[in-house]
Amino acid sequence: MGRTLTSVTAGLALCLLLTACGGGEDEEPRVTAARQCDDTLSPEAAKALESVLRTEKFQPLTTSGLQQSVRDLIGDQEKSDSWASHPAMCKIAPVEGKTDLAIEFNLYHGDEDLYAGKKLPGRHFYGMGREASTDNKAAYLFLECSSPQLKDSGEVPARIKGMLQARASRDDSLPPNNAATREAYITILHSVSLAVVKQLGCENNAGLPEKPVLTEKK
């Protein structure tokens, strides 16, 4: 009896040393969709991410993160530098899959940077912020933010651009340019952008509603 108890105890100790008794060192890294982009994805955005990339397993990537992206925007506004670019706030890569996503935030110059009125086949527009649009390669959110943290933005709102970019070795490896893909991209970018404008303290959340607007503008 004593020997049996000792064996069971030893087995439990060995189990704890392994990764949840589930394969140890050979197990692939797994980070859930909800933990992507510094935990800025809403439940709806996390589901959209899983759906568009067709996976629940993501690589644990190190990127600049929410706080650094906010500091970069504050610094660029302080210097009136709308040409500055910074590393992506977050990169999303499935453990297995052909498409990666990257989300970044920068300042933009003015209305000339918007896409409305330009001939861009396959691009669709939505009623959020200053402008929101997407196809299967990239989604954009143009925002105007008045915040005590952004120099002179009380007089002239700071112009902030959020971009989600899909990357694959070949265009035909990207998700199709259909309503499901576009709505997923917009849902993901909206969720991360909402976290950014809340961190900045933008008045009226820079025109972003709590839920993404998925009705297309004609």
N, C-alpha and C. Protein backbone atom coordinates (compact mmCIF):
# COMPACT_ATOMS: atom_id res chain seq x y z
N MET A 1 0.83 -1.21 0.00
CA MET A 1 0.00 0.00 0.00
C MET A 1 0.87 1.25 0.00
N GLY A 2 1.91 1.26 0.85
CA GLY A 2 2.81 2.40 0.92
C GLY A 2 3.52 2.63 -0.39
N ARG A 3 3.95 1.49 -1.04
CA ARG A 3 4.66 1.63 -2.30
C ARG A 3 3.74 2.19 -3.39
N THR A 4 2.46 1.78 -3.37
CA THR A 4 1.50 2.28 -4.36
C THR A 4 1.26 3.77 -4.18
N LEU A 5 1.11 4.22 -2.93
CA LEU A 5 0.91 5.63 -2.65
C LEU A 5 2.10 6.45 -3.11
N THR A 6 3.31 5.92 -2.86
CA THR A 6 4.53 6.61 -3.29
C THR A 6 4.56 6.75 -4.80
N SER A 7 4.13 5.72 -5.54
CA SER A 7 4.13 5.75 -6.99
C SER A 7 3.15 6.79 -7.52
N VAL A 8 1.96 6.84 -6.88
CA VAL A 8 0.96 7.82 -7.31
C VAL A 8 1.46 9.24 -7.08
N THR A 9 2.07 9.47 -5.91
CA THR A 9 2.59 10.81 -5.58
C THR A 9 3.67 11.21 -6.57
N ALA A 10 4.56 10.28 -6.88
CA ALA A 10 5.63 10.57 -7.83
C ALA A 10 5.07 10.87 -9.21
N GLY A 11 4.00 10.14 -9.59
CA GLY A 11 3.38 10.37 -10.89
C GLY A 11 2.74 11.74 -10.98
N LEU A 12 2.10 12.17 -9.90
CA LEU A 12 1.49 13.50 -9.88
C LEU A 12 2.55 14.59 -9.97
N ALA A 13 3.65 14.41 -9.28
CA ALA A 13 4.73 15.40 -9.32
C ALA A 13 5.29 15.51 -10.73
N LEU A 14 5.48 14.36 -11.40
CA LEU A 14 5.99 14.38 -12.77
C LEU A 14 5.01 15.07 -13.70
N CYS A 15 3.72 14.83 -13.48
CA CYS A 15 2.68 15.45 -14.30
C CYS A 15 2.74 16.98 -14.20
N LEU A 16 2.96 17.49 -12.98
CA LEU A 16 3.02 18.94 -12.79
C LEU A 16 4.22 19.56 -13.47
N LEU A 17 5.29 18.79 -13.62
CA LEU A 17 6.47 19.31 -14.29
C LEU A 17 6.27 19.43 -15.78
N LEU A 18 5.37 18.64 -16.34
CA LEU A 18 5.06 18.72 -17.76
C LEU A 18 4.02 19.81 -17.99
N THR A 19 3.78 20.17 -19.24
CA THR A 19 2.82 21.22 -19.56
C THR A 19 1.42 20.66 -19.48
N ALA A 20 0.80 20.81 -18.33
CA ALA A 20 -0.57 20.34 -18.10
C ALA A 20 -0.72 18.89 -18.50
N CYS A 21 0.31 18.07 -18.28
CA CYS A 21 0.28 16.65 -18.64
C CYS A 21 -0.07 16.46 -20.10
N GLY A 22 0.26 17.41 -20.94
CA GLY A 22 -0.24 17.36 -22.31
C GLY A 22 0.81 17.42 -23.37
N GLY A 23 1.96 16.81 -23.20
CA GLY A 23 2.90 16.76 -24.30
C GLY A 23 4.21 17.43 -24.00
N GLY A 24 4.30 18.21 -22.92
CA GLY A 24 5.57 18.78 -22.52
C GLY A 24 6.15 19.71 -23.57
N GLU A 25 7.44 19.58 -23.83
CA GLU A 25 8.16 20.52 -24.67
C GLU A 25 7.73 20.47 -26.13
N ASP A 26 7.14 19.35 -26.57
CA ASP A 26 6.78 19.22 -27.97
C ASP A 26 5.47 19.92 -28.30
N GLU A 27 4.74 20.38 -27.29
CA GLU A 27 3.45 21.02 -27.55
C GLU A 27 3.66 22.40 -28.15
N GLU A 28 2.90 22.72 -29.23
CA GLU A 28 3.04 24.00 -29.90
C GLU A 28 2.51 25.12 -29.01
N PRO A 29 3.10 26.33 -29.11
CA PRO A 29 2.61 27.45 -28.31
C PRO A 29 1.17 27.78 -28.68
N ARG A 30 0.39 28.18 -27.70
CA ARG A 30 -1.02 28.49 -27.94
C ARG A 30 -1.40 29.73 -27.15
N VAL A 31 -1.87 30.73 -27.86
CA VAL A 31 -2.38 31.94 -27.23
C VAL A 31 -3.76 32.17 -27.82
N THR A 32 -4.76 32.34 -26.98
CA THR A 32 -6.13 32.46 -27.47
C THR A 32 -6.34 33.79 -28.19
N ALA A 33 -7.39 33.82 -29.00
CA ALA A 33 -7.73 35.04 -29.72
C ALA A 33 -8.00 36.20 -28.77
N ALA A 34 -8.61 35.92 -27.64
CA ALA A 34 -8.97 36.97 -26.68
C ALA A 34 -7.75 37.66 -26.09
N ARG A 35 -6.58 37.00 -26.13
CA ARG A 35 -5.37 37.59 -25.55
C ARG A 35 -4.55 38.38 -26.56
N GLN A 36 -4.99 38.44 -27.81
CA GLN A 36 -4.26 39.18 -28.82
C GLN A 36 -4.36 40.68 -28.59
N CYS A 37 -3.36 41.41 -29.09
CA CYS A 37 -3.37 42.88 -29.08
C CYS A 37 -3.58 43.44 -27.68
N ASP A 38 -2.81 42.93 -26.73
CA ASP A 38 -2.87 43.45 -25.35
C ASP A 38 -4.26 43.34 -24.74
N ASP A 39 -4.95 42.26 -25.03
CA ASP A 39 -6.29 42.01 -24.47
C ASP A 39 -7.30 43.09 -24.85
N THR A 40 -7.13 43.68 -26.04
CA THR A 40 -8.05 44.75 -26.46
C THR A 40 -9.20 44.23 -27.32
N LEU A 41 -9.23 42.93 -27.61
CA LEU A 41 -10.29 42.39 -28.44
C LEU A 41 -11.53 42.08 -27.61
N SER A 42 -12.65 42.60 -28.05
CA SER A 42 -13.93 42.26 -27.43
C SER A 42 -14.25 40.80 -27.74
N PRO A 43 -15.22 40.21 -27.03
CA PRO A 43 -15.61 38.83 -27.37
C PRO A 43 -16.02 38.68 -28.83
N GLU A 44 -16.70 39.70 -29.38
CA GLU A 44 -17.10 39.65 -30.78
C GLU A 44 -15.89 39.71 -31.70
N ALA A 45 -14.91 40.54 -31.34
CA ALA A 45 -13.70 40.66 -32.16
C ALA A 45 -12.86 39.39 -32.09
N ALA A 46 -12.80 38.77 -30.92
CA ALA A 46 -12.06 37.51 -30.78
C ALA A 46 -12.69 36.42 -31.65
N LYS A 47 -14.02 36.36 -31.66
CA LYS A 47 -14.70 35.37 -32.51
C LYS A 47 -14.47 35.68 -33.98
N ALA A 48 -14.47 36.96 -34.33
CA ALA A 48 -14.22 37.35 -35.72
C ALA A 48 -12.81 36.95 -36.15
N LEU A 49 -11.85 37.11 -35.24
CA LEU A 49 -10.47 36.73 -35.54
C LEU A 49 -10.35 35.23 -35.79
N GLU A 50 -10.95 34.44 -34.93
CA GLU A 50 -10.92 32.99 -35.11
C GLU A 50 -11.58 32.59 -36.42
N SER A 51 -12.67 33.28 -36.75
CA SER A 51 -13.41 32.93 -37.96
C SER A 51 -12.63 33.27 -39.22
N VAL A 52 -12.06 34.48 -39.28
CA VAL A 52 -11.42 34.91 -40.52
C VAL A 52 -10.09 34.20 -40.75
N LEU A 53 -9.38 33.83 -39.68
CA LEU A 53 -8.12 33.10 -39.82
C LEU A 53 -8.30 31.60 -39.65
N ARG A 54 -9.52 31.19 -39.32
CA ARG A 54 -9.88 29.76 -39.24
C ARG A 54 -8.98 28.99 -38.27
N THR A 55 -8.81 29.55 -37.10
CA THR A 55 -7.99 28.88 -36.08
C THR A 55 -8.32 29.42 -34.70
N GLU A 56 -7.98 28.64 -33.69
CA GLU A 56 -8.07 29.10 -32.30
C GLU A 56 -6.70 29.13 -31.66
N LYS A 57 -5.65 28.84 -32.43
CA LYS A 57 -4.29 28.79 -31.90
C LYS A 57 -3.44 29.89 -32.55
N PHE A 58 -2.83 30.72 -31.73
CA PHE A 58 -2.04 31.84 -32.22
C PHE A 58 -0.66 31.84 -31.58
N GLN A 59 0.31 32.37 -32.30
CA GLN A 59 1.66 32.44 -31.78
C GLN A 59 1.78 33.57 -30.76
N PRO A 60 2.61 33.38 -29.73
CA PRO A 60 2.83 34.44 -28.74
C PRO A 60 3.89 35.42 -29.24
N LEU A 61 3.46 36.47 -29.94
CA LEU A 61 4.38 37.44 -30.52
C LEU A 61 4.57 38.64 -29.60
N THR A 62 5.76 39.20 -29.59
CA THR A 62 6.06 40.40 -28.81
C THR A 62 6.02 41.62 -29.73
N THR A 63 5.17 42.58 -29.43
CA THR A 63 5.07 43.81 -30.23
C THR A 63 5.00 45.01 -29.29
N SER A 64 4.81 46.20 -29.86
CA SER A 64 4.92 47.42 -29.05
C SER A 64 3.82 47.52 -27.99
N GLY A 65 2.61 47.09 -28.31
CA GLY A 65 1.54 47.08 -27.32
C GLY A 65 0.76 48.38 -27.24
N LEU A 66 -0.32 48.35 -26.48
CA LEU A 66 -1.24 49.47 -26.37
C LEU A 66 -0.59 50.71 -25.79
N GLN A 67 0.09 50.58 -24.66
CA GLN A 67 0.65 51.75 -23.98
C GLN A 67 1.68 52.47 -24.85
N GLN A 68 2.54 51.70 -25.53
CA GLN A 68 3.55 52.32 -26.37
C GLN A 68 2.94 53.00 -27.58
N SER A 69 1.92 52.40 -28.17
CA SER A 69 1.25 53.03 -29.30
C SER A 69 0.61 54.35 -28.90
N VAL A 70 0.02 54.38 -27.73
CA VAL A 70 -0.57 55.63 -27.23
C VAL A 70 0.51 56.67 -26.99
N ARG A 71 1.63 56.26 -26.40
CA ARG A 71 2.74 57.21 -26.18
C ARG A 71 3.28 57.74 -27.51
N ASP A 72 3.35 56.88 -28.52
CA ASP A 72 3.83 57.32 -29.83
C ASP A 72 2.90 58.37 -30.43
N LEU A 73 1.59 58.17 -30.32
CA LEU A 73 0.64 59.13 -30.86
C LEU A 73 0.73 60.47 -30.13
N ILE A 74 0.87 60.42 -28.82
CA ILE A 74 1.01 61.66 -28.03
C ILE A 74 2.28 62.39 -28.43
N GLY A 75 3.38 61.64 -28.59
CA GLY A 75 4.65 62.25 -28.98
C GLY A 75 4.60 62.85 -30.37
N ASP A 76 3.98 62.15 -31.32
CA ASP A 76 3.88 62.66 -32.68
C ASP A 76 3.03 63.93 -32.74
N GLN A 77 1.95 63.96 -31.97
CA GLN A 77 1.11 65.15 -31.93
C GLN A 77 1.85 66.32 -31.30
N GLU A 78 2.64 66.02 -30.27
CA GLU A 78 3.44 67.06 -29.61
C GLU A 78 4.40 67.70 -30.60
N LYS A 79 4.96 66.90 -31.50
CA LYS A 79 5.94 67.38 -32.48
C LYS A 79 5.30 67.78 -33.81
N SER A 80 3.98 67.67 -33.89
CA SER A 80 3.27 67.93 -35.16
C SER A 80 3.86 67.10 -36.28
N ASP A 81 4.14 65.84 -35.99
CA ASP A 81 4.81 64.96 -36.94
C ASP A 81 3.82 63.90 -37.45
N SER A 82 3.14 64.22 -38.55
CA SER A 82 2.20 63.26 -39.13
C SER A 82 2.85 62.34 -40.14
N TRP A 83 4.19 62.45 -40.26
CA TRP A 83 4.93 61.56 -41.16
C TRP A 83 5.55 60.39 -40.42
N ALA A 84 5.55 60.45 -39.11
CA ALA A 84 6.22 59.40 -38.32
C ALA A 84 5.50 58.07 -38.48
N SER A 85 6.27 57.01 -38.48
CA SER A 85 5.70 55.66 -38.48
C SER A 85 6.33 54.89 -37.33
N HIS A 86 5.62 53.92 -36.84
CA HIS A 86 6.08 53.16 -35.68
C HIS A 86 5.79 51.68 -35.88
N PRO A 87 6.45 50.83 -35.11
CA PRO A 87 6.15 49.40 -35.20
C PRO A 87 4.69 49.13 -34.91
N ALA A 88 4.20 48.04 -35.46
CA ALA A 88 2.79 47.67 -35.25
C ALA A 88 2.49 47.54 -33.76
N MET A 89 1.31 48.01 -33.38
CA MET A 89 0.88 47.81 -32.00
C MET A 89 0.78 46.33 -31.70
N CYS A 90 0.25 45.57 -32.67
CA CYS A 90 0.17 44.13 -32.47
C CYS A 90 0.25 43.40 -33.79
N LYS A 91 0.81 42.22 -33.74
CA LYS A 91 0.86 41.31 -34.87
C LYS A 91 0.19 40.00 -34.45
N ILE A 92 -0.60 39.47 -35.34
CA ILE A 92 -1.37 38.27 -35.05
C ILE A 92 -1.00 37.21 -36.07
N ALA A 93 -0.48 36.10 -35.60
CA ALA A 93 -0.07 35.02 -36.49
C ALA A 93 -0.59 33.70 -35.96
N PRO A 94 -1.33 32.97 -36.76
CA PRO A 94 -1.79 31.65 -36.33
C PRO A 94 -0.63 30.67 -36.22
N VAL A 95 -0.78 29.67 -35.37
CA VAL A 95 0.24 28.63 -35.29
C VAL A 95 0.37 27.93 -36.64
N GLU A 96 -0.76 27.69 -37.27
CA GLU A 96 -0.78 27.13 -38.61
C GLU A 96 -1.71 27.97 -39.46
N GLY A 97 -1.22 28.47 -40.58
CA GLY A 97 -2.05 29.31 -41.44
C GLY A 97 -1.19 30.12 -42.37
N LYS A 98 -1.80 30.67 -43.40
CA LYS A 98 -1.08 31.40 -44.43
C LYS A 98 -1.19 32.91 -44.31
N THR A 99 -2.06 33.39 -43.42
CA THR A 99 -2.31 34.82 -43.31
C THR A 99 -1.99 35.34 -41.92
N ASP A 100 -1.22 36.42 -41.85
CA ASP A 100 -0.94 37.13 -40.60
C ASP A 100 -1.62 38.50 -40.66
N LEU A 101 -1.92 39.06 -39.50
CA LEU A 101 -2.49 40.39 -39.41
C LEU A 101 -1.58 41.29 -38.59
N ALA A 102 -1.52 42.56 -38.97
CA ALA A 102 -0.79 43.56 -38.19
C ALA A 102 -1.67 44.79 -38.04
N ILE A 103 -1.68 45.38 -36.85
CA ILE A 103 -2.48 46.57 -36.56
C ILE A 103 -1.57 47.66 -36.04
N GLU A 104 -1.66 48.83 -36.65
CA GLU A 104 -0.81 49.95 -36.22
C GLU A 104 -1.60 51.25 -36.23
N PHE A 105 -1.06 52.26 -35.53
CA PHE A 105 -1.71 53.56 -35.42
C PHE A 105 -0.69 54.66 -35.68
N ASN A 106 -1.11 55.63 -36.49
CA ASN A 106 -0.29 56.79 -36.80
C ASN A 106 -1.19 58.00 -36.95
N LEU A 107 -0.59 59.17 -37.07
CA LEU A 107 -1.34 60.36 -37.42
C LEU A 107 -1.48 60.42 -38.94
N TYR A 108 -2.53 61.09 -39.42
CA TYR A 108 -2.64 61.33 -40.86
C TYR A 108 -2.75 62.83 -41.11
N HIS A 109 -2.56 63.23 -42.36
CA HIS A 109 -2.42 64.65 -42.67
C HIS A 109 -3.76 65.38 -42.75
N GLY A 110 -4.69 64.84 -43.54
CA GLY A 110 -5.95 65.53 -43.74
C GLY A 110 -6.86 64.74 -44.65
N ASP A 111 -7.87 65.42 -45.19
CA ASP A 111 -8.88 64.74 -46.00
C ASP A 111 -8.29 64.08 -47.23
N GLU A 112 -7.16 64.56 -47.69
CA GLU A 112 -6.55 63.95 -48.88
C GLU A 112 -6.11 62.51 -48.63
N ASP A 113 -5.99 62.13 -47.38
CA ASP A 113 -5.60 60.76 -47.05
C ASP A 113 -6.78 59.80 -47.02
N LEU A 114 -7.98 60.34 -47.01
CA LEU A 114 -9.17 59.48 -46.96
C LEU A 114 -9.35 58.77 -48.30
N TYR A 115 -10.13 57.70 -48.28
CA TYR A 115 -10.31 56.88 -49.48
C TYR A 115 -11.61 57.14 -50.21
N ALA A 116 -12.55 57.81 -49.57
CA ALA A 116 -13.83 58.10 -50.21
C ALA A 116 -13.60 58.93 -51.47
N GLY A 117 -14.27 58.57 -52.54
CA GLY A 117 -14.13 59.30 -53.80
C GLY A 117 -13.03 58.79 -54.69
N LYS A 118 -12.15 57.95 -54.15
CA LYS A 118 -11.08 57.37 -54.97
C LYS A 118 -11.57 56.06 -55.58
N LYS A 119 -11.09 55.76 -56.77
CA LYS A 119 -11.50 54.55 -57.46
C LYS A 119 -10.70 53.37 -56.92
N LEU A 120 -11.32 52.66 -56.00
CA LEU A 120 -10.66 51.52 -55.35
C LEU A 120 -11.59 50.32 -55.43
N PRO A 121 -11.50 49.55 -56.51
CA PRO A 121 -12.38 48.39 -56.67
C PRO A 121 -12.26 47.42 -55.50
N GLY A 122 -13.39 46.98 -55.00
CA GLY A 122 -13.38 46.00 -53.92
C GLY A 122 -13.35 46.58 -52.53
N ARG A 123 -13.19 47.91 -52.40
CA ARG A 123 -13.17 48.54 -51.07
C ARG A 123 -14.57 48.95 -50.67
N HIS A 124 -14.93 48.66 -49.42
CA HIS A 124 -16.27 48.94 -48.91
C HIS A 124 -16.17 49.86 -47.70
N PHE A 125 -17.18 50.72 -47.52
CA PHE A 125 -17.14 51.76 -46.50
C PHE A 125 -18.23 51.56 -45.45
N TYR A 126 -17.92 52.00 -44.22
CA TYR A 126 -18.84 51.84 -43.09
C TYR A 126 -18.90 53.15 -42.31
N GLY A 127 -20.01 53.37 -41.61
CA GLY A 127 -20.24 54.64 -40.93
C GLY A 127 -19.68 54.69 -39.53
N MET A 128 -18.36 54.80 -39.42
CA MET A 128 -17.72 54.95 -38.10
C MET A 128 -16.59 55.96 -38.21
N GLY A 129 -16.41 56.75 -37.13
CA GLY A 129 -15.32 57.70 -37.10
C GLY A 129 -15.41 58.70 -38.24
N ARG A 130 -14.27 59.18 -38.69
CA ARG A 130 -14.22 60.08 -39.85
C ARG A 130 -14.47 59.29 -41.12
N GLU A 131 -13.86 58.09 -41.17
CA GLU A 131 -14.07 57.19 -42.30
C GLU A 131 -13.62 55.80 -41.90
N ALA A 132 -14.33 54.79 -42.36
CA ALA A 132 -13.95 53.40 -42.12
C ALA A 132 -14.13 52.64 -43.43
N SER A 133 -13.13 51.85 -43.80
CA SER A 133 -13.25 51.09 -45.04
C SER A 133 -12.39 49.83 -44.96
N THR A 134 -12.70 48.87 -45.82
CA THR A 134 -11.93 47.63 -45.83
C THR A 134 -12.14 46.86 -47.13
N ASP A 135 -11.14 46.06 -47.48
CA ASP A 135 -11.29 44.98 -48.44
C ASP A 135 -10.66 43.77 -47.77
N ASN A 136 -10.16 42.81 -48.52
CA ASN A 136 -9.56 41.64 -47.87
C ASN A 136 -8.07 41.79 -47.62
N LYS A 137 -7.50 42.95 -48.02
CA LYS A 137 -6.07 43.18 -47.80
C LYS A 137 -5.81 44.13 -46.63
N ALA A 138 -6.68 45.10 -46.43
CA ALA A 138 -6.44 46.08 -45.36
C ALA A 138 -7.74 46.77 -44.96
N ALA A 139 -7.82 47.12 -43.70
CA ALA A 139 -8.93 47.91 -43.17
C ALA A 139 -8.36 49.19 -42.56
N TYR A 140 -9.12 50.28 -42.70
CA TYR A 140 -8.66 51.57 -42.18
C TYR A 140 -9.77 52.23 -41.36
N LEU A 141 -9.37 52.88 -40.28
CA LEU A 141 -10.26 53.72 -39.49
C LEU A 141 -9.59 55.08 -39.33
N PHE A 142 -10.22 56.13 -39.85
CA PHE A 142 -9.71 57.49 -39.68
C PHE A 142 -10.54 58.16 -38.59
N LEU A 143 -9.84 58.70 -37.60
CA LEU A 143 -10.51 59.24 -36.41
C LEU A 143 -10.04 60.66 -36.14
N GLU A 144 -10.88 61.43 -35.47
CA GLU A 144 -10.52 62.76 -35.00
C GLU A 144 -10.70 62.79 -33.49
N CYS A 145 -9.64 63.10 -32.77
CA CYS A 145 -9.64 62.99 -31.31
C CYS A 145 -9.28 64.30 -30.65
N SER A 146 -10.16 64.76 -29.76
CA SER A 146 -9.86 65.88 -28.88
C SER A 146 -9.62 65.32 -27.48
N SER A 147 -8.43 65.57 -26.95
CA SER A 147 -8.06 65.01 -25.65
C SER A 147 -7.06 65.92 -24.96
N PRO A 148 -7.14 66.06 -23.64
CA PRO A 148 -6.13 66.83 -22.91
C PRO A 148 -4.71 66.28 -23.09
N GLN A 149 -4.60 65.01 -23.48
CA GLN A 149 -3.28 64.41 -23.66
C GLN A 149 -2.65 64.74 -25.00
N LEU A 150 -3.43 65.30 -25.92
CA LEU A 150 -2.95 65.58 -27.28
C LEU A 150 -2.89 67.09 -27.49
N LYS A 151 -1.71 67.57 -27.73
CA LYS A 151 -1.46 69.01 -27.82
C LYS A 151 -2.37 69.70 -28.83
N ASP A 152 -3.02 70.79 -28.38
CA ASP A 152 -3.85 71.66 -29.22
C ASP A 152 -5.04 70.94 -29.84
N SER A 153 -5.34 69.72 -29.41
CA SER A 153 -6.44 68.98 -30.04
C SER A 153 -7.80 69.51 -29.62
N GLY A 154 -7.85 70.34 -28.59
CA GLY A 154 -9.10 70.97 -28.22
C GLY A 154 -9.55 71.97 -29.28
N GLU A 155 -8.57 72.58 -29.97
CA GLU A 155 -8.88 73.53 -31.03
C GLU A 155 -9.00 72.83 -32.38
N VAL A 156 -8.00 71.98 -32.70
CA VAL A 156 -8.02 71.20 -33.94
C VAL A 156 -7.81 69.74 -33.55
N PRO A 157 -8.81 68.90 -33.69
CA PRO A 157 -8.68 67.50 -33.26
C PRO A 157 -7.49 66.81 -33.92
N ALA A 158 -6.86 65.95 -33.15
CA ALA A 158 -5.77 65.14 -33.69
C ALA A 158 -6.33 64.13 -34.68
N ARG A 159 -5.65 63.96 -35.80
CA ARG A 159 -6.10 63.02 -36.82
C ARG A 159 -5.35 61.70 -36.64
N ILE A 160 -6.07 60.67 -36.32
CA ILE A 160 -5.47 59.36 -36.03
C ILE A 160 -5.97 58.33 -37.03
N LYS A 161 -5.04 57.57 -37.56
CA LYS A 161 -5.38 56.51 -38.51
C LYS A 161 -5.02 55.16 -37.91
N GLY A 162 -6.01 54.27 -37.84
CA GLY A 162 -5.76 52.88 -37.47
C GLY A 162 -5.80 52.02 -38.71
N MET A 163 -4.86 51.09 -38.83
CA MET A 163 -4.81 50.24 -40.00
C MET A 163 -4.61 48.79 -39.60
N LEU A 164 -5.42 47.92 -40.17
CA LEU A 164 -5.23 46.48 -40.08
C LEU A 164 -4.78 46.00 -41.44
N GLN A 165 -3.64 45.34 -41.49
CA GLN A 165 -3.11 44.86 -42.76
C GLN A 165 -2.96 43.34 -42.72
N ALA A 166 -3.49 42.69 -43.74
CA ALA A 166 -3.36 41.24 -43.87
C ALA A 166 -2.16 40.93 -44.76
N ARG A 167 -1.38 39.95 -44.34
CA ARG A 167 -0.15 39.63 -45.07
C ARG A 167 -0.11 38.14 -45.35
N ALA A 168 0.19 37.80 -46.58
CA ALA A 168 0.36 36.41 -46.99
C ALA A 168 1.38 36.37 -48.11
N SER A 169 1.97 35.21 -48.33
CA SER A 169 3.00 35.08 -49.36
C SER A 169 2.43 35.32 -50.75
N ARG A 170 1.13 35.03 -50.92
CA ARG A 170 0.46 35.27 -52.19
C ARG A 170 -0.93 35.82 -51.93
N ASP A 171 -1.40 36.69 -52.85
CA ASP A 171 -2.72 37.28 -52.66
C ASP A 171 -3.82 36.24 -52.59
N ASP A 172 -3.65 35.13 -53.34
CA ASP A 172 -4.72 34.13 -53.33
C ASP A 172 -4.73 33.31 -52.04
N SER A 173 -3.75 33.58 -51.15
CA SER A 173 -3.77 32.94 -49.83
C SER A 173 -4.55 33.75 -48.81
N LEU A 174 -4.88 35.00 -49.16
CA LEU A 174 -5.65 35.85 -48.26
C LEU A 174 -7.10 35.37 -48.18
N PRO A 175 -7.80 35.71 -47.11
CA PRO A 175 -9.23 35.41 -47.07
C PRO A 175 -9.93 36.08 -48.24
N PRO A 176 -11.04 35.53 -48.72
CA PRO A 176 -11.73 36.13 -49.87
C PRO A 176 -12.31 37.50 -49.52
N ASN A 177 -12.45 38.34 -50.53
CA ASN A 177 -13.03 39.67 -50.32
C ASN A 177 -14.55 39.55 -50.34
N ASN A 178 -15.08 39.03 -49.26
CA ASN A 178 -16.54 38.90 -49.13
C ASN A 178 -17.00 39.59 -47.86
N ALA A 179 -18.29 39.61 -47.63
CA ALA A 179 -18.85 40.33 -46.48
C ALA A 179 -18.32 39.79 -45.17
N ALA A 180 -18.14 38.47 -45.06
CA ALA A 180 -17.67 37.88 -43.80
C ALA A 180 -16.27 38.36 -43.47
N THR A 181 -15.38 38.40 -44.46
CA THR A 181 -14.01 38.87 -44.24
C THR A 181 -14.00 40.34 -43.86
N ARG A 182 -14.72 41.14 -44.62
CA ARG A 182 -14.71 42.59 -44.37
C ARG A 182 -15.28 42.91 -42.99
N GLU A 183 -16.36 42.26 -42.62
CA GLU A 183 -16.94 42.51 -41.31
C GLU A 183 -16.02 42.05 -40.19
N ALA A 184 -15.30 40.96 -40.40
CA ALA A 184 -14.34 40.50 -39.40
C ALA A 184 -13.22 41.52 -39.21
N TYR A 185 -12.66 42.00 -40.31
CA TYR A 185 -11.57 42.99 -40.23
C TYR A 185 -12.04 44.24 -39.50
N ILE A 186 -13.21 44.76 -39.89
CA ILE A 186 -13.71 45.98 -39.28
C ILE A 186 -14.00 45.77 -37.80
N THR A 187 -14.52 44.62 -37.44
CA THR A 187 -14.82 44.32 -36.03
C THR A 187 -13.54 44.28 -35.20
N ILE A 188 -12.51 43.65 -35.73
CA ILE A 188 -11.22 43.57 -35.03
C ILE A 188 -10.59 44.95 -34.88
N LEU A 189 -10.52 45.69 -36.00
CA LEU A 189 -9.89 47.02 -35.95
C LEU A 189 -10.68 47.97 -35.07
N HIS A 190 -11.99 47.91 -35.11
CA HIS A 190 -12.82 48.75 -34.23
C HIS A 190 -12.49 48.50 -32.77
N SER A 191 -12.38 47.23 -32.39
CA SER A 191 -12.15 46.89 -30.99
C SER A 191 -10.81 47.43 -30.50
N VAL A 192 -9.76 47.25 -31.29
CA VAL A 192 -8.44 47.74 -30.88
C VAL A 192 -8.42 49.27 -30.88
N SER A 193 -9.03 49.87 -31.89
CA SER A 193 -9.08 51.34 -31.97
C SER A 193 -9.84 51.94 -30.80
N LEU A 194 -10.92 51.29 -30.40
CA LEU A 194 -11.70 51.79 -29.26
C LEU A 194 -10.85 51.79 -27.99
N ALA A 195 -10.03 50.76 -27.82
CA ALA A 195 -9.14 50.71 -26.66
C ALA A 195 -8.13 51.86 -26.71
N VAL A 196 -7.63 52.17 -27.92
CA VAL A 196 -6.66 53.26 -28.06
C VAL A 196 -7.28 54.61 -27.72
N VAL A 197 -8.45 54.91 -28.28
CA VAL A 197 -9.05 56.23 -28.03
C VAL A 197 -9.50 56.37 -26.59
N LYS A 198 -9.89 55.27 -25.96
CA LYS A 198 -10.24 55.35 -24.53
C LYS A 198 -9.00 55.61 -23.69
N GLN A 199 -7.89 55.00 -24.07
CA GLN A 199 -6.64 55.23 -23.35
C GLN A 199 -6.18 56.67 -23.53
N LEU A 200 -6.43 57.23 -24.70
CA LEU A 200 -6.08 58.63 -24.96
C LEU A 200 -7.05 59.60 -24.29
N GLY A 201 -8.23 59.13 -23.93
CA GLY A 201 -9.24 60.01 -23.36
C GLY A 201 -9.90 60.89 -24.39
N CYS A 202 -10.09 60.36 -25.62
CA CYS A 202 -10.70 61.14 -26.69
C CYS A 202 -12.15 61.47 -26.37
N GLU A 203 -12.54 62.70 -26.61
CA GLU A 203 -13.93 63.11 -26.42
C GLU A 203 -14.84 62.27 -27.30
N ASN A 204 -15.93 61.76 -26.72
CA ASN A 204 -16.90 60.95 -27.45
C ASN A 204 -16.25 59.75 -28.14
N ASN A 205 -15.16 59.26 -27.54
CA ASN A 205 -14.43 58.12 -28.10
C ASN A 205 -14.09 58.31 -29.58
N ALA A 206 -13.80 59.56 -29.95
CA ALA A 206 -13.39 59.89 -31.32
C ALA A 206 -14.41 59.42 -32.36
N GLY A 207 -15.68 59.39 -31.96
CA GLY A 207 -16.73 59.02 -32.90
C GLY A 207 -16.95 57.53 -33.05
N LEU A 208 -16.31 56.73 -32.22
CA LEU A 208 -16.49 55.29 -32.30
C LEU A 208 -17.59 54.83 -31.34
N PRO A 209 -18.56 54.09 -31.82
CA PRO A 209 -19.57 53.51 -30.93
C PRO A 209 -18.99 52.33 -30.17
N GLU A 210 -19.68 51.88 -29.15
CA GLU A 210 -19.21 50.73 -28.39
C GLU A 210 -19.22 49.44 -29.22
N LYS A 211 -20.14 49.35 -30.16
CA LYS A 211 -20.22 48.20 -31.05
C LYS A 211 -19.91 48.65 -32.47
N PRO A 212 -19.24 47.82 -33.26
CA PRO A 212 -18.90 48.23 -34.62
C PRO A 212 -20.14 48.37 -35.51
N VAL A 213 -20.09 49.32 -36.42
CA VAL A 213 -21.16 49.50 -37.40
C VAL A 213 -20.81 48.66 -38.62
N LEU A 214 -21.64 47.68 -38.92
CA LEU A 214 -21.35 46.75 -40.02
C LEU A 214 -22.27 46.96 -41.21
N THR A 215 -23.05 48.03 -41.16
CA THR A 215 -23.90 48.39 -42.31
C THR A 215 -23.07 49.20 -43.28
N GLU A 216 -23.02 48.76 -44.52
CA GLU A 216 -22.19 49.45 -45.50
C GLU A 216 -22.83 50.77 -45.94
N LYS A 217 -21.96 51.74 -46.20
CA LYS A 217 -22.39 53.02 -46.75
C LYS A 217 -22.42 52.91 -48.26
N LYS A 218 -23.48 53.40 -48.87
CA LYS A 218 -23.60 53.34 -50.33
C LYS A 218 -23.02 54.59 -50.97
